[in-house]
């Protein structure tokens, strides 16, 4: 039997790649992928389980699908991904509307699960080994045709004290380079212009295979393909080698945009959170990167209210951000997650962590405003992504804006500009914190 299957993917880009692989598996099994779950035979909610807030978002989506089932406009509901892995008993026990779950080690069982719920009346629970699950497979891209993700590794061995990812995604496993290059070649041949190289930690790529950092070699090979831009997410500061910096600085296709999550700068907090950095090492690294990579734009993530963060440590974090002036920062209040060591440590209240996050966002906003003002009058190569009806302007991104997490550039042009094409834009102003400009002839 052939069924209509709809997918909803939540959370990070790595989760999105898993969803793209599931879609390809389902289509290869003879089923039809539909965008709208209303009227589908099966809806698959691919969940994030990193934080309590992500689980709440997943539950909201599950309950929305449950309403469609109740109204007779959806037959079956499957839940996959990190929340299903983390809270399997709760999902099956407390959400009777869910017809089956697949953990992070069992994405490849999606076609089997659809057969089990539709043809055999079962309530499947597939929880394969998260440390050995297959990472490869065909994908149906869910991104616009001009950019795509290349996930080069799965899992994480960092074991930060506040993080559940190793228990959800397993140990760090690099994908073989020849496999990655074959996948990248397919993306390049399909017309992808911007390749986003992703993993929980891309800097450790290859170290589990032969003990050597292989990211520089992989990047050199990727630069031989027909991509215009290659963007890197995420680089852990203690693993950024001089060789890697040289490759980033020397390869024209690799964008001078680096996503380096540091989380905090206070030495006591970093040690307690099992981070392998110090404030001095972070300052040294960021200074070296600024010096050796012209035009560098940095992105990071910061957590307020971590264990041992008193008022002095929080002020130290604010002063650090003012000093290093990281252009992009995601700021999050500490969330004491079940099963983590940090959750058992003394920490400030959720309300206080949130208050500090809002204050740090204010610091970051001043940095962004100053950065935007400093580049007005410059020209930027912009990847056009379409026309914004509300703003009545074209919209796109430069090297300094990564999809979905950063702002965009709004611009005017004398003629039509097709989405997926590159244009030169002179930056002329700021609108609600985002840059505006006008296309100029190259």
Protein backbone atom coordinates (compact mmCIF):
# COMPACT_ATOMS: atom_id res chain seq x y z
CA UNK A 1 0.00 0.00 0.00
CA UNK A 2 1.03 3.56 -0.69
CA UNK A 3 0.36 6.25 1.91
CA UNK A 4 0.52 10.03 2.11
CA UNK A 5 3.10 11.06 4.70
CA UNK A 6 3.79 14.53 6.09
CA UNK A 7 6.86 15.56 8.06
CA UNK A 8 7.35 18.29 10.67
CA UNK A 9 10.98 18.82 11.72
CA UNK A 10 11.85 20.81 14.84
CA UNK A 11 15.15 21.93 16.32
CA UNK A 12 18.57 22.13 14.75
CA UNK A 13 19.92 21.66 11.23
CA UNK A 14 21.33 18.26 12.21
CA UNK A 15 17.79 17.15 13.03
CA UNK A 16 16.66 18.57 9.69
CA UNK A 17 19.16 16.34 7.87
CA UNK A 18 17.73 13.31 9.68
CA UNK A 19 14.28 14.36 8.52
CA UNK A 20 15.49 14.73 4.93
CA UNK A 21 16.88 11.20 5.10
CA UNK A 22 13.58 9.86 6.47
CA UNK A 23 11.69 11.54 3.66
CA UNK A 24 13.93 9.87 1.09
CA UNK A 25 13.46 6.48 2.79
CA UNK A 26 9.68 6.89 2.80
CA UNK A 27 9.59 7.95 -0.86
CA UNK A 28 11.83 5.02 -1.85
CA UNK A 29 9.32 2.72 -0.13
CA UNK A 30 6.65 3.96 -2.52
CA UNK A 31 4.87 6.49 -0.36
CA UNK A 32 4.04 10.12 -1.24
CA UNK A 33 5.48 13.06 0.72
CA UNK A 34 2.88 15.79 1.29
CA UNK A 35 3.51 19.20 2.80
CA UNK A 36 0.23 19.53 4.71
CA UNK A 37 -0.55 17.00 7.45
CA UNK A 38 -4.24 17.86 7.07
CA UNK A 39 -5.53 14.96 4.98
CA UNK A 40 -2.38 12.83 5.27
CA UNK A 41 -2.34 9.20 6.29
CA UNK A 42 0.65 9.63 8.61
CA UNK A 43 2.23 12.69 10.21
CA UNK A 44 5.80 12.39 11.50
CA UNK A 45 6.90 14.93 14.12
CA UNK A 46 10.71 14.90 14.30
CA UNK A 47 11.44 16.37 17.70
CA UNK A 48 14.23 18.23 19.48
CA UNK A 49 14.90 17.26 23.09
CA UNK A 50 17.89 19.43 23.94
CA UNK A 51 16.08 21.71 26.40
CA UNK A 52 12.80 21.64 28.28
CA UNK A 53 11.58 24.50 26.06
CA UNK A 54 12.26 22.41 22.95
CA UNK A 55 10.28 19.52 24.42
CA UNK A 56 7.39 21.89 25.10
CA UNK A 57 7.45 22.99 21.45
CA UNK A 58 7.43 19.35 20.39
CA UNK A 59 4.47 18.55 22.62
CA UNK A 60 2.55 21.53 21.21
CA UNK A 61 3.11 20.18 17.69
CA UNK A 62 2.12 16.66 18.73
CA UNK A 63 -1.10 17.93 20.30
CA UNK A 64 -1.86 19.94 17.16
CA UNK A 65 -1.56 16.73 15.11
CA UNK A 66 -3.72 14.95 17.72
CA UNK A 67 -6.49 17.45 17.03
CA UNK A 68 -6.31 16.58 13.32
CA UNK A 69 -6.62 12.90 14.23
CA UNK A 70 -9.59 13.59 16.46
CA UNK A 71 -11.28 15.47 13.62
CA UNK A 72 -10.69 12.54 11.25
CA UNK A 73 -8.28 14.53 9.05
CA UNK A 74 -5.18 12.47 9.93
CA UNK A 75 -4.96 8.73 10.49
CA UNK A 76 -1.71 8.08 12.36
CA UNK A 77 0.94 10.04 14.25
CA UNK A 78 4.59 9.03 14.68
CA UNK A 79 7.10 10.85 16.88
CA UNK A 80 10.82 10.63 16.09
CA UNK A 81 14.06 12.24 17.20
CA UNK A 82 15.61 13.51 20.39
CA UNK A 83 12.52 13.93 22.59
CA UNK A 84 11.33 10.45 21.63
CA UNK A 85 14.77 9.13 22.60
CA UNK A 86 14.95 11.08 25.86
CA UNK A 87 11.40 10.63 27.12
CA UNK A 88 10.26 7.44 25.41
CA UNK A 89 8.19 6.15 28.35
CA UNK A 90 6.53 9.53 28.87
CA UNK A 91 5.67 9.96 25.18
CA UNK A 92 4.09 6.51 24.95
CA UNK A 93 2.50 6.64 28.40
CA UNK A 94 1.19 10.19 28.58
CA UNK A 95 0.40 10.93 24.93
CA UNK A 96 -2.07 8.21 23.84
CA UNK A 97 -2.56 10.06 20.56
CA UNK A 98 0.96 9.00 19.51
CA UNK A 99 0.87 5.81 17.45
CA UNK A 100 4.58 4.98 17.63
CA UNK A 101 8.07 6.36 18.29
CA UNK A 102 11.51 6.13 16.71
CA UNK A 103 14.60 7.16 18.68
CA UNK A 104 17.73 8.77 17.29
CA UNK A 105 19.23 5.36 16.56
CA UNK A 106 16.30 4.26 14.40
CA UNK A 107 15.61 6.90 11.76
CA UNK A 108 16.18 4.21 9.13
CA UNK A 109 13.17 2.27 10.43
CA UNK A 110 10.67 4.94 9.39
CA UNK A 111 9.20 2.99 6.45
CA UNK A 112 8.84 -0.09 8.64
CA UNK A 113 7.08 1.96 11.32
CA UNK A 114 4.63 3.39 8.77
CA UNK A 115 3.78 -0.15 7.66
CA UNK A 116 3.36 -1.23 11.28
CA UNK A 117 0.89 1.52 12.17
CA UNK A 118 -1.05 1.58 8.90
CA UNK A 119 -1.21 -2.05 7.75
CA UNK A 120 -0.64 -4.05 10.91
CA UNK A 121 -2.27 -1.96 13.63
CA UNK A 122 0.82 -1.99 15.85
CA UNK A 123 2.27 0.71 18.11
CA UNK A 124 5.97 0.52 17.21
CA UNK A 125 8.79 1.58 19.49
CA UNK A 126 12.11 1.53 17.63
CA UNK A 127 15.08 2.44 19.82
CA UNK A 128 18.23 1.34 18.02
CA UNK A 129 21.81 1.78 19.21
CA UNK A 130 22.57 5.51 19.25
CA UNK A 131 26.33 4.85 19.09
CA UNK A 132 26.29 2.85 15.85
CA UNK A 133 23.30 4.19 13.90
CA UNK A 134 23.91 4.70 10.19
CA UNK A 135 24.51 8.34 9.28
CA UNK A 136 24.46 8.07 5.49
CA UNK A 137 21.62 7.69 3.03
CA UNK A 138 19.79 9.59 0.34
CA UNK A 139 18.07 12.86 1.23
CA UNK A 140 15.19 14.94 -0.06
CA UNK A 141 16.36 18.51 0.53
CA UNK A 142 13.98 20.64 2.57
CA UNK A 143 16.07 23.80 2.23
CA UNK A 144 15.75 26.24 -0.67
CA UNK A 145 17.69 24.93 -3.68
CA UNK A 146 20.58 27.36 -3.21
CA UNK A 147 21.82 26.08 0.16
CA UNK A 148 22.13 22.73 1.91
CA UNK A 149 23.68 21.16 4.99
CA UNK A 150 26.49 18.61 5.00
CA UNK A 151 26.58 16.78 8.33
CA UNK A 152 30.10 15.43 8.72
CA UNK A 153 29.76 13.68 12.10
CA UNK A 154 27.20 12.52 14.64
CA UNK A 155 27.24 12.53 18.41
CA UNK A 156 29.51 14.30 20.87
CA UNK A 157 32.32 13.35 23.25
CA UNK A 158 32.63 16.72 25.00
CA UNK A 159 30.27 15.84 27.88
CA UNK A 160 29.65 19.40 29.01
CA UNK A 161 28.03 19.28 32.44
CA UNK A 162 24.83 21.07 31.35
CA UNK A 163 24.23 19.12 28.11
CA UNK A 164 22.20 15.98 27.32
CA UNK A 165 23.34 15.56 23.72
CA UNK A 166 25.80 12.67 24.30
CA UNK A 167 22.98 10.67 25.88
CA UNK A 168 20.68 11.42 22.92
CA UNK A 169 23.07 11.22 19.97
CA UNK A 170 25.79 8.89 21.19
CA UNK A 171 29.55 9.02 20.96
CA UNK A 172 31.32 11.13 18.35
CA UNK A 173 31.47 9.40 14.96
CA UNK A 174 33.06 11.02 11.91
CA UNK A 175 31.72 10.04 8.51
CA UNK A 176 34.28 8.72 6.00
CA UNK A 177 35.70 11.51 3.85
CA UNK A 178 35.01 9.76 0.54
CA UNK A 179 31.36 9.37 1.52
CA UNK A 180 31.13 13.06 2.43
CA UNK A 181 32.77 14.17 -0.80
CA UNK A 182 30.38 12.02 -2.84
CA UNK A 183 27.40 13.58 -1.08
CA UNK A 184 28.84 17.07 -1.46
CA UNK A 185 29.42 16.44 -5.17
CA UNK A 186 25.75 15.52 -5.59
CA UNK A 187 24.74 18.75 -3.86
CA UNK A 188 27.10 20.78 -6.01
CA UNK A 189 25.84 19.12 -9.19
CA UNK A 190 22.27 19.91 -8.09
CA UNK A 191 23.09 23.63 -8.07
CA UNK A 192 23.64 24.24 -4.35
CA UNK A 193 25.55 27.50 -3.97
CA UNK A 194 26.09 27.60 -0.20
CA UNK A 195 27.23 24.50 1.68
CA UNK A 196 26.86 24.58 5.45
CA UNK A 197 29.27 22.13 7.09
CA UNK A 198 27.66 20.99 10.34
CA UNK A 199 28.09 18.65 13.30
CA UNK A 200 27.82 19.03 17.02
CA UNK A 201 31.57 19.71 16.82
CA UNK A 202 33.16 19.91 13.37
CA UNK A 203 36.65 20.68 14.71
CA UNK A 204 37.05 17.11 16.00
CA UNK A 205 36.30 15.64 12.57
CA UNK A 206 38.52 12.63 11.90
CA UNK A 207 40.10 12.40 15.34
CA UNK A 208 38.02 9.31 16.15
CA UNK A 209 39.15 7.64 12.91
CA UNK A 210 42.93 7.96 13.12
CA UNK A 211 43.65 10.43 15.90
CA UNK A 212 44.27 13.29 13.48
CA UNK A 213 42.31 16.46 12.82
CA UNK A 214 41.01 15.94 9.28
CA UNK A 215 38.74 18.99 8.92
CA UNK A 216 41.39 21.06 7.08
CA UNK A 217 41.88 18.28 4.50
CA UNK A 218 38.12 17.86 4.07
CA UNK A 219 37.64 21.61 3.57
CA UNK A 220 40.36 21.75 0.93
CA UNK A 221 38.58 19.01 -1.01
CA UNK A 222 35.17 20.68 -0.64
CA UNK A 223 36.63 23.91 -2.02
CA UNK A 224 37.44 22.06 -5.25
CA UNK A 225 33.70 21.61 -5.90
CA UNK A 226 31.43 24.21 -7.51
CA UNK A 227 30.13 25.85 -4.35
CA UNK A 228 30.28 29.63 -4.09
CA UNK A 229 30.19 29.70 -0.28
CA UNK A 230 31.19 27.20 2.41
CA UNK A 231 30.03 28.05 5.94
CA UNK A 232 31.16 26.37 9.18
CA UNK A 233 29.04 25.40 12.24
CA UNK A 234 30.16 24.64 15.07
CA UNK A 235 33.84 24.95 15.99
CA UNK A 236 34.91 24.21 19.56
CA UNK A 237 37.58 26.65 20.72
CA UNK A 238 39.99 24.11 22.23
CA UNK A 239 40.27 22.20 18.93
CA UNK A 240 40.90 25.08 16.50
CA UNK A 241 44.39 24.41 15.13
CA UNK A 242 46.75 26.74 13.28
CA UNK A 243 46.36 24.54 10.20
CA UNK A 244 42.58 25.02 10.30
CA UNK A 245 42.96 28.80 10.66
CA UNK A 246 45.32 28.82 7.67
CA UNK A 247 42.79 26.92 5.54
CA UNK A 248 39.91 29.19 6.53
CA UNK A 249 41.99 32.29 5.83
CA UNK A 250 43.47 30.94 2.60
CA UNK A 251 40.45 29.37 0.87
CA UNK A 252 38.31 31.98 -0.85
CA UNK A 253 35.15 29.86 -0.72
CA UNK A 254 35.25 29.40 3.05
CA UNK A 255 33.34 32.32 4.52
CA UNK A 256 35.00 34.42 7.23
CA UNK A 257 32.09 33.57 9.52
CA UNK A 258 32.78 31.19 12.39
CA UNK A 259 30.27 29.80 14.89
CA UNK A 260 32.25 29.08 18.06
CA UNK A 261 30.12 28.30 21.13
CA UNK A 262 31.95 29.45 24.26
CA UNK A 263 29.01 29.52 26.77
CA UNK A 264 30.89 31.59 29.38
CA UNK A 265 34.26 33.19 30.19
CA UNK A 266 34.60 32.74 33.95
CA UNK A 267 37.31 30.18 34.70
CA UNK A 268 35.54 28.58 37.66
CA UNK A 269 32.33 28.15 35.68
CA UNK A 270 34.13 26.79 32.63
CA UNK A 271 35.93 24.18 34.74
CA UNK A 272 32.74 23.13 36.53
CA UNK A 273 30.95 22.78 33.20
CA UNK A 274 33.75 20.52 31.88
CA UNK A 275 34.76 23.04 29.25
CA UNK A 276 38.42 22.85 28.27
CA UNK A 277 38.93 26.60 27.89
CA UNK A 278 39.97 29.44 30.13
CA UNK A 279 39.23 33.11 29.80
CA UNK A 280 42.85 33.70 28.79
CA UNK A 281 42.78 30.98 26.12
CA UNK A 282 39.52 32.34 24.69
CA UNK A 283 40.93 35.87 24.50
CA UNK A 284 44.07 34.55 22.82
CA UNK A 285 42.11 32.49 20.29
CA UNK A 286 39.64 35.22 19.36
CA UNK A 287 42.46 37.72 18.98
CA UNK A 288 44.38 35.32 16.73
CA UNK A 289 41.31 34.68 14.58
CA UNK A 290 40.62 38.40 14.17
CA UNK A 291 44.25 39.00 13.21
CA UNK A 292 44.53 36.19 10.65
CA UNK A 293 41.08 36.18 9.03
CA UNK A 294 40.19 39.57 7.48
CA UNK A 295 36.59 40.71 7.88
CA UNK A 296 35.83 37.92 10.33
CA UNK A 297 32.31 37.76 11.78
CA UNK A 298 31.95 35.61 14.89
CA UNK A 299 28.88 33.87 16.28
CA UNK A 300 28.69 32.24 19.69
CA UNK A 301 26.26 30.96 22.29
CA UNK A 302 26.26 32.15 25.88
CA UNK A 303 24.47 30.82 28.95
CA UNK A 304 23.49 32.99 31.91
CA UNK A 305 22.78 31.62 35.38
CA UNK A 306 25.10 28.61 35.14
CA UNK A 307 26.22 27.05 38.44
CA UNK A 308 28.72 29.30 40.26
CA UNK A 309 27.62 32.39 38.33
CA UNK A 310 27.31 35.06 41.01
CA UNK A 311 26.84 38.74 40.20
CA UNK A 312 30.59 39.23 39.79
CA UNK A 313 30.87 36.35 37.31
CA UNK A 314 27.90 37.68 35.35
CA UNK A 315 29.46 41.14 35.16
CA UNK A 316 32.68 39.47 34.01
CA UNK A 317 30.73 37.86 31.15
CA UNK A 318 29.18 41.21 30.16
CA UNK A 319 32.60 42.90 30.22
CA UNK A 320 34.11 40.03 28.20
CA UNK A 321 31.46 40.42 25.51
CA UNK A 322 32.04 44.18 25.39
CA UNK A 323 35.77 43.54 25.03
CA UNK A 324 35.75 40.86 22.30
CA UNK A 325 32.68 42.32 20.52
CA UNK A 326 31.37 39.08 19.04
CA UNK A 327 28.99 40.15 16.28
CA UNK A 328 26.37 37.40 16.69
CA UNK A 329 25.40 35.76 19.96
CA UNK A 330 22.58 33.48 21.01
CA UNK A 331 21.92 34.10 24.71
CA UNK A 332 20.13 31.45 26.77
CA UNK A 333 19.18 31.25 30.45
CA UNK A 334 20.52 28.12 32.15
CA UNK A 335 18.09 25.22 32.00
CA UNK A 336 18.79 22.50 34.61
CA UNK A 337 18.16 19.45 32.44
CA UNK A 338 17.31 16.05 33.92
CA UNK A 339 20.26 13.70 33.87
CA UNK A 340 22.97 16.37 33.70
CA UNK A 341 25.56 17.05 36.40
CA UNK A 342 24.89 20.78 36.24
CA UNK A 343 21.26 20.27 37.25
CA UNK A 344 22.49 18.91 40.61
CA UNK A 345 24.73 21.92 41.28
CA UNK A 346 23.64 25.08 43.07
CA UNK A 347 22.46 27.78 40.69
CA UNK A 348 20.32 30.90 40.63
CA UNK A 349 16.58 30.80 40.04
CA UNK A 350 15.12 30.49 36.56
CA UNK A 351 13.79 34.03 36.91
CA UNK A 352 17.23 35.41 37.77
CA UNK A 353 18.87 33.50 34.92
CA UNK A 354 16.27 34.97 32.56
CA UNK A 355 16.83 38.48 33.95
CA UNK A 356 20.57 38.15 33.33
CA UNK A 357 19.93 36.81 29.82
CA UNK A 358 17.89 39.90 29.00
CA UNK A 359 20.66 42.16 30.31
CA UNK A 360 23.26 40.32 28.23
CA UNK A 361 21.04 40.62 25.15
CA UNK A 362 21.08 44.39 25.72
CA UNK A 363 24.90 44.31 25.69
CA UNK A 364 24.83 42.25 22.51
CA UNK A 365 22.31 44.60 20.86
CA UNK A 366 24.69 47.52 21.36
CA UNK A 367 27.48 45.50 19.73
CA UNK A 368 25.28 44.58 16.74
CA UNK A 369 24.14 48.19 16.32
CA UNK A 370 27.74 49.42 16.35
CA UNK A 371 28.77 46.72 13.87
CA UNK A 372 25.93 47.59 11.51
CA UNK A 373 26.81 51.29 11.67
CA UNK A 374 30.47 50.50 10.98
CA UNK A 375 29.76 48.74 7.67
CA UNK A 376 27.31 51.25 6.18
CA UNK A 377 28.58 52.44 2.82
CA UNK A 378 30.35 49.15 2.11
CA UNK A 379 29.33 46.77 -0.64
CA UNK A 380 28.55 43.13 0.09
CA UNK A 381 27.99 40.10 -2.08
CA UNK A 382 24.43 39.08 -1.26
CA UNK A 383 22.67 35.81 -2.01
CA UNK A 384 19.13 36.84 -2.96
CA UNK A 385 16.43 34.73 -1.31
CA UNK A 386 13.32 36.37 -2.71
CA UNK A 387 10.95 39.30 -2.28
CA UNK A 388 9.56 40.31 1.09
CA UNK A 389 5.95 41.38 0.63
CA UNK A 390 5.72 43.19 3.95
CA UNK A 391 8.87 45.25 3.43
CA UNK A 392 8.28 45.50 -0.33
CA UNK A 393 11.97 44.86 -0.86
CA UNK A 394 14.19 42.06 -2.03
CA UNK A 395 15.84 40.11 0.76
CA UNK A 396 19.02 38.08 1.03
CA UNK A 397 22.12 37.30 3.07
CA UNK A 398 25.81 38.13 2.91
CA UNK A 399 28.64 36.05 4.33
CA UNK A 400 27.84 37.61 7.71
CA UNK A 401 24.34 36.09 7.98
CA UNK A 402 23.73 32.37 8.33
CA UNK A 403 20.29 31.03 7.38
CA UNK A 404 17.54 31.04 10.02
CA UNK A 405 19.72 32.21 12.93
CA UNK A 406 20.94 35.65 11.82
CA UNK A 407 19.24 38.67 10.31
CA UNK A 408 18.89 39.37 6.61
CA UNK A 409 19.67 42.22 4.24
CA UNK A 410 16.79 44.05 2.56
CA UNK A 411 17.61 45.76 -0.70
CA UNK A 412 16.20 47.36 -3.81
CA UNK A 413 17.21 46.73 -7.41
CA UNK A 414 16.45 48.35 -10.73
CA UNK A 415 15.42 45.05 -12.30
CA UNK A 416 14.28 41.59 -11.33
CA UNK A 417 16.60 39.44 -9.23
CA UNK A 418 15.97 35.72 -9.16
CA UNK A 419 16.19 33.89 -5.82
CA UNK A 420 19.42 31.94 -5.59
CA UNK A 421 21.51 34.49 -7.50
CA UNK A 422 24.32 36.66 -6.16
CA UNK A 423 24.23 40.43 -6.44
CA UNK A 424 26.39 43.27 -5.15
CA UNK A 425 24.58 45.47 -2.63
CA UNK A 426 25.72 48.75 -1.15
CA UNK A 427 24.64 48.94 2.49
CA UNK A 428 22.84 52.20 3.12
CA UNK A 429 20.82 51.88 6.31
CA UNK A 430 19.32 49.86 9.13
CA UNK A 431 15.66 48.85 9.52
CA UNK A 432 14.55 47.29 12.83
CA UNK A 433 18.10 46.13 13.47
CA UNK A 434 18.59 44.65 10.00
CA UNK A 435 20.62 46.11 7.16
CA UNK A 436 19.17 47.73 4.06
CA UNK A 437 20.81 48.61 0.77
CA UNK A 438 20.64 48.95 -2.98
CA UNK A 439 21.98 46.73 -5.73
CA UNK A 440 24.92 48.24 -7.58
CA UNK A 441 26.66 47.18 -10.75
CA UNK A 442 29.77 45.15 -10.13
